[in-house]
Each structure stands twice: as C-alpha cells, then as structure tokens.
Amino acid sequence: MTASNLVTVDLDGKVVDDPMGLGINPAGFTIHSAIHAARTDAMCVLHTHNRRRRLRSPVQKQGLLPLNQWSLQFTDRPRLS
C-alpha cells in the first residue's frame, strides 16, 4: 500500500480519487467519516487488517480483551483455561 493508491472520499461519501478503481467499503466509510466529523484536526484516518497484529494485540495478562472487532466475537463466551 502506498499513498498513491489510497482512495480519497469526501464527508458525503463521494469518491474524489480512486487510483485503483476498487471503490470503498461503506462500513469503513461510516467509521472513518464519523472520526473526521468529530476531529476536524485529523488530516487522515486509516486502519489496516494485519493478521498477526489482530491475533496478538488484544491478548493481555487479563486474557482476551474486547479491544477490536476480532476479539469482540468472543465476548460473553466461557473462558478457556
């Protein structure tokens, strides 16, 4: 991923620039536009889906913490010993 292949979208969801022609994910737009609307000082909002990070990041001494969409799928399930 490089800056030159990122999709640019305005706050209304209109694609301004889409160098790869792949469009946008509506759910991703909803989250990112809400952040931009609340934080006018944010020049860029982005996230990644790195498999290694999403598996490790929510695991703490206290167990699996509900810190992201991947760990939330296990909320309210019995704890494994």
C-alpha atoms as a PDB file:
ATOM      1  CA  MET A   1       0.000   0.000   0.000  1.00  0.00           C
ATOM      2  CA  THR A   2       1.256   3.448  -0.871  1.00  0.00           C
ATOM      3  CA  ALA A   3      -0.199   6.939  -0.618  1.00  0.00           C
ATOM      4  CA  SER A   4      -0.587   6.983  -4.391  1.00  0.00           C
ATOM      5  CA  ASN A   5      -3.122   4.128  -4.351  1.00  0.00           C
ATOM      6  CA  LEU A   6      -5.326   5.302  -1.467  1.00  0.00           C
ATOM      7  CA  VAL A   7      -8.947   6.213  -2.187  1.00  0.00           C
ATOM      8  CA  THR A   8      -9.912   9.804  -1.335  1.00  0.00           C
ATOM      9  CA  VAL A   9     -13.520  10.330  -0.219  1.00  0.00           C
ATOM     10  CA  ASP A  10     -15.303  13.495   0.922  1.00  0.00           C
ATOM     11  CA  LEU A  11     -17.502  13.649   4.068  1.00  0.00           C
ATOM     12  CA  ASP A  12     -20.608  12.929   1.989  1.00  0.00           C
ATOM     13  CA  GLY A  13     -19.184   9.635   0.756  1.00  0.00           C
ATOM     14  CA  LYS A  14     -18.401  10.841  -2.755  1.00  0.00           C
ATOM     15  CA  VAL A  15     -15.228   9.285  -4.129  1.00  0.00           C
ATOM     16  CA  VAL A  16     -12.854  12.101  -5.071  1.00  0.00           C
ATOM     17  CA  ASP A  17      -9.965   9.930  -6.262  1.00  0.00           C
ATOM     18  CA  ASP A  18      -9.769   6.155  -6.734  1.00  0.00           C
ATOM     19  CA  PRO A  19      -6.469   5.331  -8.473  1.00  0.00           C
ATOM     20  CA  MET A  20      -7.005   1.564  -8.358  1.00  0.00           C
ATOM     21  CA  GLY A  21     -10.714   1.693  -9.278  1.00  0.00           C
ATOM     22  CA  LEU A  22     -11.700  -0.518  -6.345  1.00  0.00           C
ATOM     23  CA  GLY A  23     -14.260   1.741  -4.677  1.00  0.00           C
ATOM     24  CA  ILE A  24     -14.828   1.942  -0.929  1.00  0.00           C
ATOM     25  CA  ASN A  25     -16.266  -0.201   1.834  1.00  0.00           C
ATOM     26  CA  PRO A  26     -19.464   1.507   3.097  1.00  0.00           C
ATOM     27  CA  ALA A  27     -18.906   0.322   6.690  1.00  0.00           C
ATOM     28  CA  GLY A  28     -15.347   1.634   6.620  1.00  0.00           C
ATOM     29  CA  PHE A  29     -16.582   4.967   5.282  1.00  0.00           C
ATOM     30  CA  THR A  30     -19.132   5.225   8.102  1.00  0.00           C
ATOM     31  CA  ILE A  31     -16.470   4.743  10.774  1.00  0.00           C
ATOM     32  CA  HIS A  32     -13.832   6.958   9.166  1.00  0.00           C
ATOM     33  CA  SER A  33     -16.221   9.800   8.303  1.00  0.00           C
ATOM     34  CA  ALA A  34     -17.505   9.854  11.895  1.00  0.00           C
ATOM     35  CA  ILE A  35     -13.935  10.293  13.118  1.00  0.00           C
ATOM     36  CA  HIS A  36     -13.304  13.082  10.605  1.00  0.00           C
ATOM     37  CA  ALA A  37     -16.554  14.807  11.576  1.00  0.00           C
ATOM     38  CA  ALA A  38     -15.594  14.683  15.263  1.00  0.00           C
ATOM     39  CA  ARG A  39     -11.905  15.525  14.774  1.00  0.00           C
ATOM     40  CA  THR A  40     -11.530  18.313  12.252  1.00  0.00           C
ATOM     41  CA  ASP A  41      -7.802  18.388  13.044  1.00  0.00           C
ATOM     42  CA  ALA A  42      -7.352  14.840  11.664  1.00  0.00           C
ATOM     43  CA  MET A  43      -5.908  15.036   8.184  1.00  0.00           C
ATOM     44  CA  CYS A  44      -6.043  11.293   7.552  1.00  0.00           C
ATOM     45  CA  VAL A  45      -7.858   8.370   9.171  1.00  0.00           C
ATOM     46  CA  LEU A  46      -6.879   4.843   8.222  1.00  0.00           C
ATOM     47  CA  HIS A  47      -6.617   1.342   9.555  1.00  0.00           C
ATOM     48  CA  THR A  48      -5.158  -1.950   8.435  1.00  0.00           C
ATOM     49  CA  HIS A  49      -6.115  -5.583   8.743  1.00  0.00           C
ATOM     50  CA  ASN A  50      -2.818  -7.210   9.620  1.00  0.00           C
ATOM     51  CA  ARG A  51      -3.430 -10.857  10.576  1.00  0.00           C
ATOM     52  CA  ARG A  52      -0.536 -11.120  13.015  1.00  0.00           C
ATOM     53  CA  ARG A  53      -1.416  -7.893  14.824  1.00  0.00           C
ATOM     54  CA  ARG A  54      -5.105  -8.637  15.139  1.00  0.00           C
ATOM     55  CA  LEU A  55      -4.357 -12.015  16.697  1.00  0.00           C
ATOM     56  CA  ARG A  56      -1.853 -10.725  19.241  1.00  0.00           C
ATOM     57  CA  SER A  57      -2.919  -7.207  20.136  1.00  0.00           C
ATOM     58  CA  PRO A  58      -5.962  -7.931  22.349  1.00  0.00           C
ATOM     59  CA  VAL A  59      -4.230 -10.621  24.418  1.00  0.00           C
ATOM     60  CA  GLN A  60      -3.113  -9.318  27.821  1.00  0.00           C
ATOM     61  CA  LYS A  61      -2.419 -10.718  31.290  1.00  0.00           C
ATOM     62  CA  GLN A  62      -6.155 -10.385  31.937  1.00  0.00           C
ATOM     63  CA  GLY A  63      -6.953 -12.567  28.920  1.00  0.00           C
ATOM     64  CA  LEU A  64      -8.537 -11.634  25.643  1.00  0.00           C
ATOM     65  CA  LEU A  65      -9.749  -8.035  25.916  1.00  0.00           C
ATOM     66  CA  PRO A  66     -12.624  -6.729  23.738  1.00  0.00           C
ATOM     67  CA  LEU A  67     -10.476  -4.077  22.063  1.00  0.00           C
ATOM     68  CA  ASN A  68     -11.304  -4.690  18.408  1.00  0.00           C
ATOM     69  CA  GLN A  69     -13.835  -6.341  16.120  1.00  0.00           C
ATOM     70  CA  TRP A  70     -11.875  -9.586  16.060  1.00  0.00           C
ATOM     71  CA  SER A  71     -11.730 -10.082  19.817  1.00  0.00           C
ATOM     72  CA  LEU A  72     -15.337  -8.927  20.310  1.00  0.00           C
ATOM     73  CA  GLN A  73     -16.569 -12.085  18.624  1.00  0.00           C
ATOM     74  CA  PHE A  74     -15.507 -13.956  21.772  1.00  0.00           C
ATOM     75  CA  THR A  75     -17.212 -11.599  24.273  1.00  0.00           C
ATOM     76  CA  ASP A  76     -19.599 -13.353  26.684  1.00  0.00           C
ATOM     77  CA  ARG A  77     -18.205 -16.795  25.912  1.00  0.00           C
ATOM     78  CA  PRO A  78     -16.894 -19.103  28.631  1.00  0.00           C
ATOM     79  CA  ARG A  79     -13.230 -18.514  29.390  1.00  0.00           C
ATOM     80  CA  LEU A  80     -10.859 -21.314  28.436  1.00  0.00           C
ATOM     81  CA  SER A  81      -8.274 -22.337  30.990  1.00  0.00           C
END
